PDB file of N, CA and C in Angstrom:
ATOM      1  N   UNK A   1      83.345  61.565  47.764  1.00  0.00           N
ATOM      2  CA  UNK A   1      84.425  60.803  47.199  1.00  0.00           C
ATOM      3  C   UNK A   1      85.498  61.723  46.633  1.00  0.00           C
ATOM      4  N   UNK A   2      85.095  62.877  46.065  1.00  0.00           N
ATOM      5  CA  UNK A   2      86.090  63.814  45.561  1.00  0.00           C
ATOM      6  C   UNK A   2      86.911  64.416  46.688  1.00  0.00           C
ATOM      7  N   UNK A   3      86.306  64.608  47.851  1.00  0.00           N
ATOM      8  CA  UNK A   3      87.055  65.121  48.988  1.00  0.00           C
ATOM      9  C   UNK A   3      88.117  64.129  49.414  1.00  0.00           C
ATOM     10  N   UNK A   4      87.763  62.849  49.421  1.00  0.00           N
ATOM     11  CA  UNK A   4      88.736  61.822  49.773  1.00  0.00           C
ATOM     12  C   UNK A   4      89.869  61.779  48.773  1.00  0.00           C
ATOM     13  N   UNK A   5      89.563  61.981  47.493  1.00  0.00           N
ATOM     14  CA  UNK A   5      90.583  61.933  46.449  1.00  0.00           C
ATOM     15  C   UNK A   5      91.560  63.090  46.603  1.00  0.00           C
ATOM     16  N   UNK A   6      91.058  64.293  46.920  1.00  0.00           N
ATOM     17  CA  UNK A   6      91.950  65.440  47.077  1.00  0.00           C
ATOM     18  C   UNK A   6      92.797  65.309  48.341  1.00  0.00           C
ATOM     19  N   UNK A   7      92.222  64.756  49.395  1.00  0.00           N
ATOM     20  CA  UNK A   7      92.986  64.533  50.627  1.00  0.00           C
ATOM     21  C   UNK A   7      94.078  63.515  50.383  1.00  0.00           C
ATOM     22  N   UNK A   8      93.753  62.467  49.640  1.00  0.00           N
ATOM     23  CA  UNK A   8      94.756  61.445  49.350  1.00  0.00           C
ATOM     24  C   UNK A   8      95.839  62.016  48.442  1.00  0.00           C
ATOM     25  N   UNK A   9      95.468  62.907  47.510  1.00  0.00           N
ATOM     26  CA  UNK A   9      96.457  63.503  46.612  1.00  0.00           C
ATOM     27  C   UNK A   9      97.398  64.408  47.392  1.00  0.00           C
ATOM     28  N   UNK A  10      96.867  65.164  48.344  1.00  0.00           N
ATOM     29  CA  UNK A  10      97.710  66.036  49.154  1.00  0.00           C
ATOM     30  C   UNK A  10      98.594  65.219  50.074  1.00  0.00           C
ATOM     31  N   UNK A  11      98.068  64.146  50.606  1.00  0.00           N
ATOM     32  CA  UNK A  11      98.856  63.306  51.497  1.00  0.00           C
ATOM     33  C   UNK A  11      99.967  62.606  50.739  1.00  0.00           C
ATOM     34  N   UNK A  12      99.769  62.348  49.452  1.00  0.00           N
ATOM     35  CA  UNK A  12     100.786  61.648  48.676  1.00  0.00           C
ATOM     36  C   UNK A  12     101.919  62.592  48.272  1.00  0.00           C
ATOM     37  N   UNK A  13     101.722  63.934  48.317  1.00  0.00           N
ATOM     38  CA  UNK A  13     102.777  64.889  47.950  1.00  0.00           C
ATOM     39  C   UNK A  13     103.150  65.731  49.181  1.00  0.00           C
ATOM     40  N   UNK A  14     104.048  65.228  50.030  1.00  0.00           N
ATOM     41  CA  UNK A  14     104.386  65.945  51.256  1.00  0.00           C
ATOM     42  C   UNK A  14     105.100  67.267  50.996  1.00  0.00           C
ATOM     43  N   UNK A  15     105.862  67.411  49.930  1.00  0.00           N
ATOM     44  CA  UNK A  15     106.547  68.673  49.644  1.00  0.00           C
ATOM     45  C   UNK A  15     105.549  69.790  49.338  1.00  0.00           C
ATOM     46  N   UNK A  16     104.493  69.441  48.619  1.00  0.00           N
ATOM     47  CA  UNK A  16     103.475  70.440  48.322  1.00  0.00           C
ATOM     48  C   UNK A  16     102.770  70.885  49.597  1.00  0.00           C
ATOM     49  N   UNK A  17     102.522  69.941  50.489  1.00  0.00           N
ATOM     50  CA  UNK A  17     101.881  70.259  51.760  1.00  0.00           C
ATOM     51  C   UNK A  17     102.771  71.185  52.589  1.00  0.00           C
ATOM     52  N   UNK A  18     104.064  70.878  52.623  1.00  0.00           N
ATOM     53  CA  UNK A  18     105.014  71.729  53.375  1.00  0.00           C
ATOM     54  C   UNK A  18     105.101  73.108  52.740  1.00  0.00           C
ATOM     55  N   UNK A  19     105.139  73.173  51.419  1.00  0.00           N
ATOM     56  CA  UNK A  19     105.222  74.461  50.724  1.00  0.00           C
ATOM     57  C   UNK A  19     103.992  75.311  51.014  1.00  0.00           C
ATOM     58  N   UNK A  20     102.813  74.712  50.991  1.00  0.00           N
ATOM     59  CA  UNK A  20     101.594  75.462  51.294  1.00  0.00           C
ATOM     60  C   UNK A  20     101.583  75.943  52.740  1.00  0.00           C
ATOM     61  N   UNK A  21     102.057  75.084  53.628  1.00  0.00           N
ATOM     62  CA  UNK A  21     102.111  75.480  55.044  1.00  0.00           C
ATOM     63  C   UNK A  21     103.062  76.654  55.233  1.00  0.00           C
ATOM     64  N   UNK A  22     104.209  76.614  54.552  1.00  0.00           N
ATOM     65  CA  UNK A  22     105.163  77.713  54.662  1.00  0.00           C
ATOM     66  C   UNK A  22     104.594  78.989  54.041  1.00  0.00           C
ATOM     67  N   UNK A  23     103.868  78.847  52.946  1.00  0.00           N
ATOM     68  CA  UNK A  23     103.254  80.011  52.308  1.00  0.00           C
ATOM     69  C   UNK A  23     102.220  80.655  53.233  1.00  0.00           C
ATOM     70  N   UNK A  24     101.443  79.815  53.906  1.00  0.00           N
ATOM     71  CA  UNK A  24     100.459  80.337  54.868  1.00  0.00           C
ATOM     72  C   UNK A  24     101.159  81.019  56.041  1.00  0.00           C
ATOM     73  N   UNK A  25     102.276  80.463  56.485  1.00  0.00           N
ATOM     74  CA  UNK A  25     103.020  81.053  57.596  1.00  0.00           C
ATOM     75  C   UNK A  25     103.599  82.410  57.208  1.00  0.00           C
ATOM     76  N   UNK A  26     104.152  82.510  55.998  1.00  0.00           N
ATOM     77  CA  UNK A  26     104.708  83.787  55.527  1.00  0.00           C
ATOM     78  C   UNK A  26     103.602  84.827  55.394  1.00  0.00           C
ATOM     79  N   UNK A  27     102.469  84.428  54.846  1.00  0.00           N
ATOM     80  CA  UNK A  27     101.348  85.367  54.693  1.00  0.00           C
ATOM     81  C   UNK A  27     100.852  85.839  56.064  1.00  0.00           C
ATOM     82  N   UNK A  28     100.788  84.930  57.021  1.00  0.00           N
ATOM     83  CA  UNK A  28     100.355  85.306  58.372  1.00  0.00           C
ATOM     84  C   UNK A  28     101.351  86.273  59.002  1.00  0.00           C
ATOM     85  N   UNK A  29     102.649  86.051  58.771  1.00  0.00           N
ATOM     86  CA  UNK A  29     103.667  86.961  59.313  1.00  0.00           C
ATOM     87  C   UNK A  29     103.533  88.342  58.680  1.00  0.00           C
ATOM     88  N   UNK A  30     103.298  88.385  57.364  1.00  0.00           N
ATOM     89  CA  UNK A  30     103.115  89.686  56.703  1.00  0.00           C
ATOM     90  C   UNK A  30     101.896  90.413  57.246  1.00  0.00           C
ATOM     91  N   UNK A  31     100.804  89.677  57.388  1.00  0.00           N
ATOM     92  CA  UNK A  31      99.583  90.290  57.925  1.00  0.00           C
ATOM     93  C   UNK A  31      99.803  90.786  59.349  1.00  0.00           C
ATOM     94  N   UNK A  32     100.502  90.002  60.145  1.00  0.00           N
ATOM     95  CA  UNK A  32     100.782  90.403  61.526  1.00  0.00           C
ATOM     96  C   UNK A  32     101.666  91.628  61.583  1.00  0.00           C
ATOM     97  N   UNK A  33     102.664  91.699  60.701  1.00  0.00           N
ATOM     98  CA  UNK A  33     103.556  92.855  60.675  1.00  0.00           C
ATOM     99  C   UNK A  33     102.809  94.113  60.267  1.00  0.00           C
ATOM    100  N   UNK A  34     101.926  94.004  59.273  1.00  0.00           N
ATOM    101  CA  UNK A  34     101.176  95.190  58.851  1.00  0.00           C
ATOM    102  C   UNK A  34     100.181  95.609  59.939  1.00  0.00           C
ATOM    103  N   UNK A  35      99.586  94.641  60.622  1.00  0.00           N
ATOM    104  CA  UNK A  35      98.684  94.975  61.729  1.00  0.00           C
ATOM    105  C   UNK A  35      99.449  95.652  62.865  1.00  0.00           C
ATOM    106  N   UNK A  36     100.639  95.145  63.164  1.00  0.00           N
ATOM    107  CA  UNK A  36     101.451  95.745  64.231  1.00  0.00           C
ATOM    108  C   UNK A  36     101.853  97.162  63.857  1.00  0.00           C
ATOM    109  N   UNK A  37     102.214  97.378  62.600  1.00  0.00           N
ATOM    110  CA  UNK A  37     102.595  98.715  62.133  1.00  0.00           C
ATOM    111  C   UNK A  37     101.423  99.685  62.271  1.00  0.00           C
ATOM    112  N   UNK A  38     100.235  99.225  61.920  1.00  0.00           N
ATOM    113  CA  UNK A  38      99.046 100.072  62.042  1.00  0.00           C
ATOM    114  C   UNK A  38      98.773 100.419  63.500  1.00  0.00           C
ATOM    115  N   UNK A  39      98.935  99.456  64.384  1.00  0.00           N
ATOM    116  CA  UNK A  39      98.709  99.714  65.814  1.00  0.00           C
ATOM    117  C   UNK A  39      99.726 100.716  66.357  1.00  0.00           C
ATOM    118  N   UNK A  40     100.981 100.576  65.934  1.00  0.00           N
ATOM    119  CA  UNK A  40     102.019 101.518  66.374  1.00  0.00           C
ATOM    120  C   UNK A  40     101.707 102.917  65.848  1.00  0.00           C
ATOM    121  N   UNK A  41     101.297 103.010  64.588  1.00  0.00           N
ATOM    122  CA  UNK A  41     100.955 104.313  64.022  1.00  0.00           C
ATOM    123  C   UNK A  41      99.794 104.968  64.761  1.00  0.00           C
ATOM    124  N   UNK A  42      98.873 104.165  65.288  1.00  0.00           N
ATOM    125  CA  UNK A  42      97.756 104.712  66.062  1.00  0.00           C
ATOM    126  C   UNK A  42      98.203 105.094  67.471  1.00  0.00           C
ATOM    127  N   UNK A  43      99.081 104.295  68.070  1.00  0.00           N
ATOM    128  CA  UNK A  43      99.461 104.509  69.462  1.00  0.00           C
ATOM    129  C   UNK A  43     100.487 105.625  69.624  1.00  0.00           C
ATOM    130  N   UNK A  44     101.339 105.843  68.634  1.00  0.00           N
ATOM    131  CA  UNK A  44     102.412 106.824  68.762  1.00  0.00           C
ATOM    132  C   UNK A  44     101.921 108.239  69.055  1.00  0.00           C
ATOM    133  N   UNK A  45     100.921 108.756  68.360  1.00  0.00           N
ATOM    134  CA  UNK A  45     100.444 110.100  68.706  1.00  0.00           C
ATOM    135  C   UNK A  45      99.881 110.180  70.134  1.00  0.00           C
ATOM    136  N   UNK A  46      99.223 109.134  70.573  1.00  0.00           N
ATOM    137  CA  UNK A  46      98.673 109.150  71.938  1.00  0.00           C
ATOM    138  C   UNK A  46      99.797 109.160  72.970  1.00  0.00           C
ATOM    139  N   UNK A  47     100.822 108.379  72.733  1.00  0.00           N
ATOM    140  CA  UNK A  47     101.970 108.360  73.651  1.00  0.00           C
ATOM    141  C   UNK A  47     102.670 109.717  73.639  1.00  0.00           C
ATOM    142  N   UNK A  48     102.809 110.300  72.462  1.00  0.00           N
ATOM    143  CA  UNK A  48     103.450 111.610  72.348  1.00  0.00           C
ATOM    144  C   UNK A  48     102.665 112.674  73.111  1.00  0.00           C
ATOM    145  N   UNK A  49     101.349 112.657  72.966  1.00  0.00           N
ATOM    146  CA  UNK A  49     100.520 113.613  73.716  1.00  0.00           C
ATOM    147  C   UNK A  49     100.656 113.406  75.219  1.00  0.00           C
ATOM    148  N   UNK A  50     100.679 112.145  75.655  1.00  0.00           N
ATOM    149  CA  UNK A  50     100.799 111.858  77.083  1.00  0.00           C
ATOM    150  C   UNK A  50     102.128 112.370  77.633  1.00  0.00           C
ATOM    151  N   UNK A  51     103.220 112.073  76.928  1.00  0.00           N
ATOM    152  CA  UNK A  51     104.547 112.506  77.400  1.00  0.00           C
ATOM    153  C   UNK A  51     104.636 114.031  77.410  1.00  0.00           C
ATOM    154  N   UNK A  52     104.144 114.673  76.363  1.00  0.00           N
ATOM    155  CA  UNK A  52     104.175 116.137  76.307  1.00  0.00           C
ATOM    156  C   UNK A  52     103.378 116.755  77.453  1.00  0.00           C
ATOM    157  N   UNK A  53     102.204 116.221  77.665  1.00  0.00           N
ATOM    158  CA  UNK A  53     101.356 116.755  78.746  1.00  0.00           C
ATOM    159  C   UNK A  53     101.988 116.501  80.111  1.00  0.00           C
ATOM    160  N   UNK A  54     102.607 115.324  80.286  1.00  0.00           N
ATOM    161  CA  UNK A  54     103.257 115.002  81.556  1.00  0.00           C
ATOM    162  C   UNK A  54     104.417 115.956  81.826  1.00  0.00           C
ATOM    163  N   UNK A  55     105.249 116.210  80.816  1.00  0.00           N
ATOM    164  CA  UNK A  55     106.391 117.119  80.979  1.00  0.00           C
ATOM    165  C   UNK A  55     105.893 118.533  81.277  1.00  0.00           C
ATOM    166  N   UNK A  56     104.887 118.986  80.539  1.00  0.00           N
ATOM    167  CA  UNK A  56     104.337 120.319  80.765  1.00  0.00           C
ATOM    168  C   UNK A  56     103.792 120.456  82.186  1.00  0.00           C
ATOM    169  N   UNK A  57     102.986 119.491  82.616  1.00  0.00           N
ATOM    170  CA  UNK A  57     102.384 119.557  83.950  1.00  0.00           C
ATOM    171  C   UNK A  57     103.446 119.504  85.041  1.00  0.00           C
ATOM    172  N   UNK A  58     104.454 118.668  84.860  1.00  0.00           N
ATOM    173  CA  UNK A  58     105.525 118.571  85.848  1.00  0.00           C
ATOM    174  C   UNK A  58     106.285 119.887  85.955  1.00  0.00           C
ATOM    175  N   UNK A  59     106.674 120.459  84.825  1.00  0.00           N
ATOM    176  CA  UNK A  59     107.411 121.732  84.850  1.00  0.00           C
ATOM    177  C   UNK A  59     106.559 122.864  85.416  1.00  0.00           C
ATOM    178  N   UNK A  60     105.296 122.895  85.049  1.00  0.00           N
ATOM    179  CA  UNK A  60     104.401 123.921  85.561  1.00  0.00           C
ATOM    180  C   UNK A  60     104.282 123.818  87.085  1.00  0.00           C
ATOM    181  N   UNK A  61     104.093 122.602  87.581  1.00  0.00           N
ATOM    182  CA  UNK A  61     103.939 122.398  89.021  1.00  0.00           C
ATOM    183  C   UNK A  61     105.204 122.788  89.783  1.00  0.00           C
ATOM    184  N   UNK A  62     106.349 122.391  89.271  1.00  0.00           N
ATOM    185  CA  UNK A  62     107.606 122.719  89.944  1.00  0.00           C
ATOM    186  C   UNK A  62     107.841 124.225  89.937  1.00  0.00           C
ATOM    187  N   UNK A  63     107.635 124.860  88.776  1.00  0.00           N
ATOM    188  CA  UNK A  63     107.874 126.302  88.727  1.00  0.00           C
ATOM    189  C   UNK A  63     106.892 127.062  89.610  1.00  0.00           C
ATOM    190  N   UNK A  64     105.648 126.656  89.619  1.00  0.00           N
ATOM    191  CA  UNK A  64     104.666 127.313  90.490  1.00  0.00           C
ATOM    192  C   UNK A  64     105.031 127.096  91.955  1.00  0.00           C
ATOM    193  N   UNK A  65     105.471 125.892  92.277  1.00  0.00           N
ATOM    194  CA  UNK A  65     105.847 125.581  93.655  1.00  0.00           C
ATOM    195  C   UNK A  65     107.067 126.342  94.140  1.00  0.00           C
ATOM    196  N   UNK A  66     107.930 126.749  93.211  1.00  0.00           N
ATOM    197  CA  UNK A  66     109.122 127.512  93.587  1.00  0.00           C
ATOM    198  C   UNK A  66     108.833 129.016  93.563  1.00  0.00           C
ATOM    199  N   UNK A  67     108.203 129.489  92.505  1.00  0.00           N
ATOM    200  CA  UNK A  67     108.021 130.926  92.316  1.00  0.00           C
ATOM    201  C   UNK A  67     106.995 131.508  93.281  1.00  0.00           C
ATOM    202  N   UNK A  68     105.878 130.840  93.469  1.00  0.00           N
ATOM    203  CA  UNK A  68     104.828 131.415  94.320  1.00  0.00           C
ATOM    204  C   UNK A  68     105.299 131.664  95.755  1.00  0.00           C
ATOM    205  N   UNK A  69     105.903 130.667  96.427  1.00  0.00           N
ATOM    206  CA  UNK A  69     106.368 130.962  97.782  1.00  0.00           C
ATOM    207  C   UNK A  69     107.469 132.023  97.818  1.00  0.00           C
ATOM    208  N   UNK A  70     108.335 132.038  96.803  1.00  0.00           N
ATOM    209  CA  UNK A  70     109.405 133.048  96.770  1.00  0.00           C
ATOM    210  C   UNK A  70     108.825 134.448  96.642  1.00  0.00           C
ATOM    211  N   UNK A  71     107.877 134.621  95.752  1.00  0.00           N
ATOM    212  CA  UNK A  71     107.253 135.936  95.566  1.00  0.00           C
ATOM    213  C   UNK A  71     106.461 136.320  96.802  1.00  0.00           C
ATOM    214  N   UNK A  72     105.791 135.362  97.412  1.00  0.00           N
ATOM    215  CA  UNK A  72     105.023 135.645  98.622  1.00  0.00           C
ATOM    216  C   UNK A  72     105.929 136.160  99.735  1.00  0.00           C
ATOM    217  N   UNK A  73     107.067 135.502  99.914  1.00  0.00           N
ATOM    218  CA  UNK A  73     108.016 135.947 100.944  1.00  0.00           C
ATOM    219  C   UNK A  73     108.610 137.301 100.570  1.00  0.00           C
ATOM    220  N   UNK A  74     108.975 137.474  99.294  1.00  0.00           N
ATOM    221  CA  UNK A  74     109.572 138.743  98.868  1.00  0.00           C
ATOM    222  C   UNK A  74     108.595 139.900  99.026  1.00  0.00           C
ATOM    223  N   UNK A  75     107.329 139.666  98.744  1.00  0.00           N
ATOM    224  CA  UNK A  75     106.335 140.740  98.875  1.00  0.00           C
ATOM    225  C   UNK A  75     105.969 141.032 100.336  1.00  0.00           C
ATOM    226  N   UNK A  76     106.185 140.052 101.197  1.00  0.00           N
ATOM    227  CA  UNK A  76     105.809 140.273 102.594  1.00  0.00           C
ATOM    228  C   UNK A  76     106.884 141.031 103.377  1.00  0.00           C
ATOM    229  N   UNK A  77     108.095 141.104 102.853  1.00  0.00           N
ATOM    230  CA  UNK A  77     109.172 141.836 103.536  1.00  0.00           C
ATOM    231  C   UNK A  77     109.115 143.296 103.104  1.00  0.00           C
ATOM    232  N   UNK A  78     109.103 144.234 104.058  1.00  0.00           N
ATOM    233  CA  UNK A  78     109.100 145.661 103.695  1.00  0.00           C
ATOM    234  C   UNK A  78     110.364 146.028 102.909  1.00  0.00           C
ATOM    235  N   UNK A  79     110.227 146.990 102.003  1.00  0.00           N
ATOM    236  CA  UNK A  79     111.319 147.308 101.087  1.00  0.00           C
ATOM    237  C   UNK A  79     112.460 148.094 101.725  1.00  0.00           C
ATOM    238  N   UNK A  80     112.192 148.956 102.618  1.00  0.00           N
ATOM    239  CA  UNK A  80     113.236 149.822 103.162  1.00  0.00           C
ATOM    240  C   UNK A  80     113.616 149.366 104.569  1.00  0.00           C
ATOM    241  N   UNK A  81     114.349 148.259 104.655  1.00  0.00           N
ATOM    242  CA  UNK A  81     114.830 147.784 105.948  1.00  0.00           C
ATOM    243  C   UNK A  81     116.171 147.081 105.754  1.00  0.00           C
ATOM    244  N   UNK A  82     116.865 146.799 106.838  1.00  0.00           N
ATOM    245  CA  UNK A  82     118.201 146.203 106.730  1.00  0.00           C
ATOM    246  C   UNK A  82     118.217 144.816 106.064  1.00  0.00           C
ATOM    247  N   UNK A  83     117.129 144.034 106.207  1.00  0.00           N
ATOM    248  CA  UNK A  83     117.100 142.697 105.602  1.00  0.00           C
ATOM    249  C   UNK A  83     117.167 142.816 104.073  1.00  0.00           C
ATOM    250  N   UNK A  84     116.350 143.682 103.512  1.00  0.00           N
ATOM    251  CA  UNK A  84     116.331 143.847 102.058  1.00  0.00           C
ATOM    252  C   UNK A  84     117.655 144.409 101.567  1.00  0.00           C
ATOM    253  N   UNK A  85     118.188 145.393 102.294  1.00  0.00           N
ATOM    254  CA  UNK A  85     119.483 145.956 101.891  1.00  0.00           C
ATOM    255  C   UNK A  85     120.580 144.887 101.941  1.00  0.00           C
ATOM    256  N   UNK A  86     120.539 144.039 102.934  1.00  0.00           N
ATOM    257  CA  UNK A  86     121.523 142.959 103.040  1.00  0.00           C
ATOM    258  C   UNK A  86     121.367 141.951 101.895  1.00  0.00           C
ATOM    259  N   UNK A  87     120.134 141.595 101.560  1.00  0.00           N
ATOM    260  CA  UNK A  87     119.906 140.673 100.449  1.00  0.00           C
ATOM    261  C   UNK A  87     120.388 141.263  99.125  1.00  0.00           C
ATOM    262  N   UNK A  88     120.090 142.531  98.882  1.00  0.00           N
ATOM    263  CA  UNK A  88     120.503 143.179  97.645  1.00  0.00           C
ATOM    264  C   UNK A  88     122.024 143.270  97.578  1.00  0.00           C
ATOM    265  N   UNK A  89     122.655 143.683  98.666  1.00  0.00           N
ATOM    266  CA  UNK A  89     124.119 143.790  98.687  1.00  0.00           C
ATOM    267  C   UNK A  89     124.768 142.414  98.508  1.00  0.00           C
ATOM    268  N   UNK A  90     124.195 141.382  99.122  1.00  0.00           N
ATOM    269  CA  UNK A  90     124.725 140.025  98.964  1.00  0.00           C
ATOM    270  C   UNK A  90     124.592 139.531  97.535  1.00  0.00           C
ATOM    271  N   UNK A  91     123.475 139.843  96.904  1.00  0.00           N
ATOM    272  CA  UNK A  91     123.278 139.441  95.504  1.00  0.00           C
ATOM    273  C   UNK A  91     124.292 140.134  94.601  1.00  0.00           C
ATOM    274  N   UNK A  92     124.528 141.420  94.841  1.00  0.00           N
ATOM    275  CA  UNK A  92     125.525 142.141  94.041  1.00  0.00           C
ATOM    276  C   UNK A  92     126.927 141.572  94.276  1.00  0.00           C
ATOM    277  N   UNK A  93     127.250 141.249  95.510  1.00  0.00           N
ATOM    278  CA  UNK A  93     128.565 140.668  95.812  1.00  0.00           C
ATOM    279  C   UNK A  93     128.729 139.307  95.146  1.00  0.00           C
ATOM    280  N   UNK A  94     127.675 138.513  95.116  1.00  0.00           N
ATOM    281  CA  UNK A  94     127.740 137.196  94.467  1.00  0.00           C
ATOM    282  C   UNK A  94     127.962 137.351  92.963  1.00  0.00           C
ATOM    283  N   UNK A  95     127.261 138.285  92.332  1.00  0.00           N
ATOM    284  CA  UNK A  95     127.443 138.518  90.897  1.00  0.00           C
ATOM    285  C   UNK A  95     128.866 138.988  90.612  1.00  0.00           C
ATOM    286  N   UNK A  96     129.375 139.889  91.446  1.00  0.00           N
ATOM    287  CA  UNK A  96     130.756 140.367  91.270  1.00  0.00           C
ATOM    288  C   UNK A  96     131.753 139.227  91.428  1.00  0.00           C
ATOM    289  N   UNK A  97     131.516 138.316  92.378  1.00  0.00           N
ATOM    290  CA  UNK A  97     132.411 137.181  92.614  1.00  0.00           C
ATOM    291  C   UNK A  97     132.415 136.239  91.408  1.00  0.00           C
ATOM    292  N   UNK A  98     131.257 135.987  90.857  1.00  0.00           N
ATOM    293  CA  UNK A  98     131.176 135.108  89.683  1.00  0.00           C
ATOM    294  C   UNK A  98     131.891 135.750  88.497  1.00  0.00           C
ATOM    295  N   UNK A  99     131.707 137.052  88.304  1.00  0.00           N
ATOM    296  CA  UNK A  99     132.399 137.741  87.215  1.00  0.00           C
ATOM    297  C   UNK A  99     133.917 137.663  87.388  1.00  0.00           C
ATOM    298  N   UNK A 100     134.372 137.821  88.608  1.00  0.00           N
ATOM    299  CA  UNK A 100     135.811 137.741  88.894  1.00  0.00           C
ATOM    300  C   UNK A 100     136.342 136.328  88.626  1.00  0.00           C
ATOM    301  N   UNK A 101     135.583 135.314  89.011  1.00  0.00           N
ATOM    302  CA  UNK A 101     136.014 133.934  88.766  1.00  0.00           C
ATOM    303  C   UNK A 101     136.097 133.650  87.266  1.00  0.00           C
ATOM    304  N   UNK A 102     135.114 134.128  86.503  1.00  0.00           N
ATOM    305  CA  UNK A 102     135.139 133.934  85.045  1.00  0.00           C
ATOM    306  C   UNK A 102     136.340 134.644  84.427  1.00  0.00           C
ATOM    307  N   UNK A 103     136.622 135.849  84.925  1.00  0.00           N
ATOM    308  CA  UNK A 103     137.734 136.623  84.396  1.00  0.00           C
ATOM    309  C   UNK A 103     139.058 135.902  84.655  1.00  0.00           C
ATOM    310  N   UNK A 104     139.238 135.354  85.875  1.00  0.00           N
ATOM    311  CA  UNK A 104     140.466 134.611  86.194  1.00  0.00           C
ATOM    312  C   UNK A 104     140.599 133.365  85.321  1.00  0.00           C
ATOM    313  N   UNK A 105     139.491 132.693  85.086  1.00  0.00           N
ATOM    314  CA  UNK A 105     139.524 131.480  84.265  1.00  0.00           C
ATOM    315  C   UNK A 105     139.930 131.807  82.832  1.00  0.00           C
ATOM    316  N   UNK A 106     139.380 132.894  82.265  1.00  0.00           N
ATOM    317  CA  UNK A 106     139.744 133.301  80.916  1.00  0.00           C
ATOM    318  C   UNK A 106     141.206 133.726  80.840  1.00  0.00           C
ATOM    319  N   UNK A 107     141.694 134.437  81.869  1.00  0.00           N
ATOM    320  CA  UNK A 107     143.095 134.851  81.886  1.00  0.00           C
ATOM    321  C   UNK A 107     144.021 133.648  81.972  1.00  0.00           C
ATOM    322  N   UNK A 108     143.624 132.629  82.748  1.00  0.00           N
ATOM    323  CA  UNK A 108     144.447 131.427  82.883  1.00  0.00           C
ATOM    324  C   UNK A 108     144.495 130.661  81.560  1.00  0.00           C
ATOM    325  N   UNK A 109     143.398 130.604  80.847  1.00  0.00           N
ATOM    326  CA  UNK A 109     143.393 129.930  79.546  1.00  0.00           C
ATOM    327  C   UNK A 109     144.253 130.687  78.542  1.00  0.00           C
ATOM    328  N   UNK A 110     144.196 132.016  78.584  1.00  0.00           N
ATOM    329  CA  UNK A 110     144.980 132.821  77.649  1.00  0.00           C
ATOM    330  C   UNK A 110     146.469 132.702  77.955  1.00  0.00           C
ATOM    331  N   UNK A 111     146.840 132.495  79.216  1.00  0.00           N
ATOM    332  CA  UNK A 111     148.247 132.413  79.607  1.00  0.00           C
ATOM    333  C   UNK A 111     148.852 131.043  79.309  1.00  0.00           C
ATOM    334  N   UNK A 112     148.017 130.027  79.114  1.00  0.00           N
ATOM    335  CA  UNK A 112     148.539 128.690  78.817  1.00  0.00           C
ATOM    336  C   UNK A 112     149.208 128.697  77.454  1.00  0.00           C
ATOM    337  N   UNK A 113     150.370 128.029  77.364  1.00  0.00           N
ATOM    338  CA  UNK A 113     151.029 127.968  76.051  1.00  0.00           C
ATOM    339  C   UNK A 113     150.229 127.050  75.116  1.00  0.00           C
ATOM    340  N   UNK A 114     150.210 127.421  73.860  1.00  0.00           N
ATOM    341  CA  UNK A 114     149.493 126.609  72.873  1.00  0.00           C
ATOM    342  C   UNK A 114     150.229 125.304  72.677  1.00  0.00           C
ATOM    343  N   UNK A 115     149.518 124.190  72.490  1.00  0.00           N
ATOM    344  CA  UNK A 115     150.199 122.913  72.287  1.00  0.00           C
ATOM    345  C   UNK A 115     150.999 122.933  70.988  1.00  0.00           C
ATOM    346  N   UNK A 116     152.200 122.373  71.071  1.00  0.00           N
ATOM    347  CA  UNK A 116     153.080 122.349  69.911  1.00  0.00           C
ATOM    348  C   UNK A 116     152.531 121.376  68.870  1.00  0.00           C
ATOM    349  N   UNK A 117     152.610 121.771  67.619  1.00  0.00           N
ATOM    350  CA  UNK A 117     152.153 120.917  66.534  1.00  0.00           C
ATOM    351  C   UNK A 117     153.294 119.986  66.157  1.00  0.00           C
ATOM    352  N   UNK A 118     152.996 118.695  66.116  1.00  0.00           N
ATOM    353  CA  UNK A 118     154.019 117.707  65.782  1.00  0.00           C
ATOM    354  C   UNK A 118     154.405 117.845  64.318  1.00  0.00           C
ATOM    355  N   UNK A 119     155.709 117.846  64.085  1.00  0.00           N
ATOM    356  CA  UNK A 119     156.197 117.936  62.716  1.00  0.00           C
ATOM    357  C   UNK A 119     156.545 116.552  62.215  1.00  0.00           C
ATOM    358  N   UNK A 120     156.187 116.267  60.964  1.00  0.00           N
ATOM    359  CA  UNK A 120     156.459 114.961  60.389  1.00  0.00           C
ATOM    360  C   UNK A 120     157.765 114.937  59.669  1.00  0.00           C
TER     361      UNK A 120
END
């Protein structure tokens, strides 16, 4: 009979029922937010480790794939022959060309007139 009385009392005050429902909803949202925060705090280090390892493995694989065949070819060519001399001379010519291009670019910037400052 006391259960019926409390149910009837709650049914007779709809504002109290709505207020309690809203209070339960707010508490559930707070609990859900704290649970989500805890899950993110747990997952973030794992994601960071995965991304770091993925980047490391990718860079390692690419560099190994480029350097190993290059060194293999370079070591298989005899040192004192026209091919090596041509490669060395071409590399020196390329470096000289790049230096000349940089020098021309710097000279062109230095020759440009400075922009006039507007007077008020």
